[in-house]
Amino acid sequence: MNEGVIPLSVFDLALAASLVLVAGLTSLALRLGLGRRLLVASLRTIVQLVGVGYLLRWVFAIEHVFALFAVLLVMIAAASKAAVDRSSRRFEGALFGAFGTLVLVGLITTFSVTSVVIGVQPWHRAQYVIPLLGMVLGNGLTGISLALDSLLGSFDEGRERVEMELSLGASRWEAARDPLAEAVRRGMIPILNAMSVVGIVSLPGMMTGQILAGADPLDAVRYQIVVMFMLAAATSVGCVGVTLYAFRRLFDDEHRLRGERIVRTPS
């Protein structure tokens, strides 16, 4: 079954790049004005992926735990910034909260899967840790950004409702409980949708990559099941963590909503 990966030449990549012309022609025909953005996005795709390819080759070769954690922290920092920037609102300390949440959730979830479920030896084997953390961060930042956007929108646009409940004797937790629950629910929607259609509508990237590499489809499926459950756990805990952090930052000890701390993210 395992026939190995079919190598791709520069010419093959050039042929694949020509597919982007379809999107470019569509933009031109409909006057969408996306030609420049498509070009920039395509160039960034090439530069970023080639760069990370050389970086991963280096990391995989040395298998040094400190080099591995340096790469992981850079990945988490980039994911944290993307999560906060995607939200239409933010507050002071939001980036720190997202970073801390992703550090805890990302590393604990990833190393639990590699060490306990898969049984990777040694436990810091970069070939497993980096791709799995990347998937956790990709889904986690989406969930966190959606949760933050929902929660901060509820506290900003629904400030009068929250303050009315507080004035009537509700505690800060009672006034914020429904917005918190809705924020977590919204953050969980993408991963729940993905789990509902996986294998029927879509074949996830990890499973597809293993199959293309010649792995038995059933082995690829087993890995994908582990990944989907890992992503569901990481996303749910990440959404809860960041919303609770925002809750603590936006309500003071006297049970007042500090709505002035919420600012709109520049477009």
Protein backbone atom coordinates (compact mmCIF):
# COMPACT_ATOMS: atom_id res chain seq x y z
CA MET A 1 0.00 0.00 0.00
CA ASN A 2 2.78 2.41 0.94
CA GLU A 3 4.26 3.65 -2.32
CA GLY A 4 5.73 6.86 -0.92
CA VAL A 5 5.10 10.46 -1.86
CA ILE A 6 5.24 11.43 -5.54
CA PRO A 7 7.78 14.27 -5.70
CA LEU A 8 6.74 17.58 -7.25
CA SER A 9 9.09 19.62 -9.39
CA VAL A 10 9.25 23.40 -9.74
CA PHE A 11 7.41 22.99 -13.04
CA ASP A 12 4.60 21.13 -11.24
CA LEU A 13 4.30 23.98 -8.75
CA ALA A 14 4.18 26.48 -11.60
CA LEU A 15 1.30 24.55 -13.14
CA ALA A 16 -0.51 24.59 -9.80
CA ALA A 17 0.10 28.33 -9.49
CA SER A 18 -1.63 28.84 -12.82
CA LEU A 19 -4.83 27.69 -11.13
CA VAL A 20 -4.84 30.98 -9.22
CA LEU A 21 -5.37 32.66 -12.57
CA VAL A 22 -8.94 31.34 -12.46
CA ALA A 23 -9.60 33.44 -9.38
CA GLY A 24 -7.79 36.37 -10.95
CA LEU A 25 -9.84 36.19 -14.14
CA THR A 26 -13.01 35.95 -12.06
CA SER A 27 -12.03 39.09 -10.17
CA LEU A 28 -11.24 40.86 -13.43
CA ALA A 29 -14.48 39.81 -15.13
CA LEU A 30 -16.65 40.85 -12.19
CA ARG A 31 -14.54 43.91 -11.36
CA LEU A 32 -14.01 42.74 -7.79
CA GLY A 33 -10.71 44.54 -7.43
CA LEU A 34 -9.07 41.52 -5.83
CA GLY A 35 -6.24 41.03 -8.34
CA ARG A 36 -3.57 42.70 -6.23
CA ARG A 37 -4.69 40.93 -3.06
CA LEU A 38 -4.65 37.58 -4.86
CA LEU A 39 -1.12 38.22 -6.07
CA VAL A 40 0.11 39.26 -2.63
CA ALA A 41 -1.65 36.31 -0.97
CA SER A 42 -0.14 33.89 -3.50
CA LEU A 43 3.36 35.26 -2.95
CA ARG A 44 2.93 35.11 0.81
CA THR A 45 1.74 31.52 0.54
CA ILE A 46 4.88 30.53 -1.36
CA VAL A 47 7.32 32.45 0.85
CA GLN A 48 5.75 31.39 4.15
CA LEU A 49 5.42 27.71 3.26
CA VAL A 50 8.91 27.44 1.77
CA GLY A 51 10.30 29.21 4.83
CA VAL A 52 8.52 26.94 7.27
CA GLY A 53 9.58 23.92 5.22
CA TYR A 54 13.27 24.78 5.68
CA LEU A 55 12.65 25.62 9.36
CA LEU A 56 10.91 22.32 10.04
CA ARG A 57 13.65 20.39 8.23
CA TRP A 58 16.14 22.03 10.59
CA VAL A 59 14.03 21.42 13.71
CA PHE A 60 13.30 17.81 12.75
CA ALA A 61 17.01 17.21 12.19
CA ILE A 62 18.30 18.51 15.52
CA GLU A 63 15.45 17.18 17.71
CA HIS A 64 16.47 19.61 20.49
CA VAL A 65 13.81 20.34 23.09
CA PHE A 66 14.76 24.03 23.47
CA ALA A 67 14.63 24.63 19.73
CA LEU A 68 11.27 22.88 19.63
CA PHE A 69 9.78 25.06 22.36
CA ALA A 70 11.13 28.20 20.71
CA VAL A 71 9.23 27.27 17.54
CA LEU A 72 6.10 26.42 19.54
CA LEU A 73 6.11 29.76 21.35
CA VAL A 74 6.49 31.66 18.08
CA MET A 75 3.53 29.71 16.67
CA ILE A 76 1.43 30.45 19.75
CA ALA A 77 2.34 34.16 19.72
CA ALA A 78 1.32 34.46 16.06
CA ALA A 79 -1.94 32.61 16.70
CA SER A 80 -2.73 34.82 19.71
CA LYS A 81 -2.25 38.01 17.72
CA ALA A 82 -4.39 36.66 14.88
CA ALA A 83 -7.15 35.68 17.31
CA VAL A 84 -7.31 39.15 18.88
CA ASP A 85 -6.98 41.00 15.58
CA ARG A 86 -9.88 39.07 14.03
CA SER A 87 -12.29 40.26 16.72
CA SER A 88 -14.10 43.53 15.99
CA ARG A 89 -13.44 44.65 19.57
CA ARG A 90 -10.69 44.22 22.11
CA PHE A 91 -9.65 45.31 25.59
CA GLU A 92 -6.37 45.99 27.33
CA GLY A 93 -4.73 42.69 28.09
CA ALA A 94 -6.67 40.74 25.45
CA LEU A 95 -3.48 39.64 23.68
CA PHE A 96 -1.98 38.41 26.94
CA GLY A 97 -5.17 36.50 27.75
CA ALA A 98 -5.27 34.85 24.34
CA PHE A 99 -1.56 33.96 24.56
CA GLY A 100 -1.87 32.48 28.04
CA THR A 101 -4.96 30.51 27.06
CA LEU A 102 -3.33 29.08 23.93
CA VAL A 103 -0.13 28.23 25.80
CA LEU A 104 -2.01 26.20 28.41
CA VAL A 105 -4.61 24.66 26.14
CA GLY A 106 -2.31 24.12 23.16
CA LEU A 107 0.62 22.55 24.97
CA ILE A 108 -1.42 20.45 27.40
CA THR A 109 -3.69 19.10 24.67
CA THR A 110 -0.88 18.45 22.19
CA PHE A 111 1.47 16.73 24.61
CA SER A 112 -1.39 14.70 26.09
CA VAL A 113 -2.15 13.32 22.64
CA THR A 114 1.47 12.72 21.63
CA SER A 115 2.53 11.20 24.97
CA VAL A 116 -0.60 9.36 26.14
CA VAL A 117 -2.70 8.58 23.07
CA ILE A 118 -0.07 8.11 20.34
CA GLY A 119 2.85 7.25 22.62
CA VAL A 120 5.51 9.23 20.78
CA GLN A 121 9.10 8.48 21.78
CA PRO A 122 10.77 10.74 22.72
CA TRP A 123 7.91 12.89 24.00
CA HIS A 124 9.29 16.03 22.30
CA ARG A 125 9.53 14.55 18.81
CA ALA A 126 8.99 17.58 16.59
CA GLN A 127 7.60 15.58 13.67
CA TYR A 128 4.45 14.97 15.72
CA VAL A 129 4.33 17.91 18.12
CA ILE A 130 4.57 20.79 15.62
CA PRO A 131 1.89 19.62 13.15
CA LEU A 132 -0.54 18.71 15.94
CA LEU A 133 -0.04 22.01 17.76
CA GLY A 134 -0.49 23.81 14.45
CA MET A 135 -3.91 22.21 14.02
CA VAL A 136 -4.85 23.05 17.61
CA LEU A 137 -3.83 26.68 17.14
CA GLY A 138 -5.57 27.01 13.79
CA ASN A 139 -8.88 25.90 15.24
CA GLY A 140 -8.28 27.49 18.63
CA LEU A 141 -7.66 30.98 17.28
CA THR A 142 -10.86 30.80 15.24
CA GLY A 143 -12.88 29.76 18.28
CA ILE A 144 -11.26 32.36 20.52
CA SER A 145 -11.79 35.19 18.04
CA LEU A 146 -15.46 34.29 17.60
CA ALA A 147 -15.97 33.96 21.35
CA LEU A 148 -14.30 37.30 22.05
CA ASP A 149 -16.24 39.02 19.28
CA SER A 150 -19.54 37.71 20.66
CA LEU A 151 -18.77 38.46 24.31
CA LEU A 152 -17.38 41.96 23.79
CA GLY A 153 -20.24 42.78 21.44
CA SER A 154 -22.76 41.71 24.09
CA PHE A 155 -21.04 43.79 26.78
CA ASP A 156 -20.66 46.80 24.49
CA GLU A 157 -23.98 46.91 22.63
CA GLY A 158 -25.93 45.35 25.51
CA ARG A 159 -24.28 47.40 28.23
CA GLU A 160 -27.58 48.92 29.41
CA ARG A 161 -29.13 45.48 29.90
CA VAL A 162 -26.15 44.25 31.91
CA GLU A 163 -26.07 47.39 34.06
CA MET A 164 -29.82 47.17 34.67
CA GLU A 165 -29.44 43.62 35.97
CA LEU A 166 -26.57 44.73 38.18
CA SER A 167 -28.63 47.63 39.54
CA LEU A 168 -31.44 45.23 40.40
CA GLY A 169 -29.13 43.20 42.61
CA ALA A 170 -27.64 40.66 40.23
CA SER A 171 -24.04 39.70 40.78
CA ARG A 172 -21.51 40.22 38.02
CA TRP A 173 -21.60 36.50 37.28
CA GLU A 174 -25.39 36.43 37.03
CA ALA A 175 -25.38 39.42 34.69
CA ALA A 176 -22.62 38.00 32.49
CA ARG A 177 -23.59 34.32 32.47
CA ASP A 178 -25.79 34.38 29.36
CA PRO A 179 -23.33 36.40 27.23
CA LEU A 180 -20.53 34.09 28.38
CA ALA A 181 -22.49 30.98 27.43
CA GLU A 182 -23.43 32.43 24.04
CA ALA A 183 -19.81 33.41 23.37
CA VAL A 184 -18.57 29.88 24.08
CA ARG A 185 -21.37 28.41 21.96
CA ARG A 186 -20.46 30.65 19.04
CA GLY A 187 -16.78 29.81 19.35
CA MET A 188 -17.59 26.10 19.22
CA ILE A 189 -19.70 26.29 16.04
CA PRO A 190 -16.84 25.84 13.50
CA ILE A 191 -15.41 22.69 15.09
CA LEU A 192 -18.88 21.21 15.62
CA ASN A 193 -19.71 21.85 11.96
CA ALA A 194 -16.42 20.25 10.91
CA MET A 195 -17.09 17.17 13.06
CA SER A 196 -20.58 16.82 11.61
CA VAL A 197 -19.42 16.56 7.99
CA VAL A 198 -15.93 15.07 8.29
CA GLY A 199 -15.53 12.08 6.00
CA ILE A 200 -18.75 12.83 4.13
CA VAL A 201 -18.37 16.36 2.78
CA SER A 202 -14.67 16.91 3.51
CA LEU A 203 -11.49 14.90 3.99
CA PRO A 204 -9.36 16.81 6.52
CA GLY A 205 -5.83 17.84 5.70
CA MET A 206 -4.04 15.43 8.02
CA MET A 207 -5.99 12.43 6.73
CA THR A 208 -5.52 13.49 3.12
CA GLY A 209 -1.80 14.03 3.64
CA GLN A 210 -1.32 10.58 5.12
CA ILE A 211 -3.27 8.93 2.30
CA LEU A 212 -1.24 10.81 -0.32
CA ALA A 213 1.90 9.65 1.47
CA GLY A 214 0.76 6.06 1.00
CA ALA A 215 -0.66 5.26 4.45
CA ASP A 216 -3.48 2.77 4.83
CA PRO A 217 -6.78 4.76 4.78
CA LEU A 218 -7.94 3.09 8.00
CA ASP A 219 -4.73 4.13 9.77
CA ALA A 220 -5.24 7.67 8.48
CA VAL A 221 -8.83 7.58 9.75
CA ARG A 222 -7.70 6.56 13.24
CA TYR A 223 -5.31 9.49 13.41
CA GLN A 224 -8.01 11.85 12.14
CA ILE A 225 -10.46 10.70 14.81
CA VAL A 226 -7.85 11.48 17.47
CA VAL A 227 -7.24 14.89 15.88
CA MET A 228 -10.94 15.82 15.71
CA PHE A 229 -11.49 14.94 19.37
CA MET A 230 -8.33 16.83 20.29
CA LEU A 231 -9.52 19.92 18.42
CA ALA A 232 -12.96 19.78 20.02
CA ALA A 233 -11.46 19.63 23.51
CA ALA A 234 -8.89 22.35 22.86
CA THR A 235 -11.41 24.71 21.24
CA SER A 236 -14.00 24.34 23.99
CA VAL A 237 -11.51 24.84 26.82
CA GLY A 238 -9.86 27.71 24.93
CA CYS A 239 -13.17 29.52 24.46
CA VAL A 240 -14.06 29.08 28.13
CA GLY A 241 -10.63 30.24 29.24
CA VAL A 242 -10.51 33.42 27.18
CA THR A 243 -14.09 34.42 27.99
CA LEU A 244 -13.50 33.95 31.72
CA TYR A 245 -10.35 36.02 31.44
CA ALA A 246 -12.28 38.77 29.63
CA PHE A 247 -14.99 38.57 32.29
CA ARG A 248 -12.46 39.16 35.05
CA ARG A 249 -10.91 42.08 33.17
CA LEU A 250 -14.20 43.82 32.37
CA PHE A 251 -15.91 43.55 35.77
CA ASP A 252 -14.37 45.02 38.91
CA ASP A 253 -14.63 43.72 42.47
CA GLU A 254 -17.61 46.00 43.11
CA HIS A 255 -19.60 44.18 40.40
CA ARG A 256 -19.47 47.03 37.90
CA LEU A 257 -19.12 46.55 34.16
CA ARG A 258 -16.16 48.59 32.93
CA GLY A 259 -17.47 49.11 29.42
CA GLU A 260 -14.99 51.89 28.73
CA ARG A 261 -12.26 49.26 28.58
CA ILE A 262 -13.78 47.83 25.38
CA VAL A 263 -12.48 49.45 22.20
CA ARG A 264 -13.20 48.72 18.56
CA THR A 265 -10.45 47.09 16.55
CA PRO A 266 -9.36 49.29 13.61
CA SER A 267 -10.58 47.85 10.29
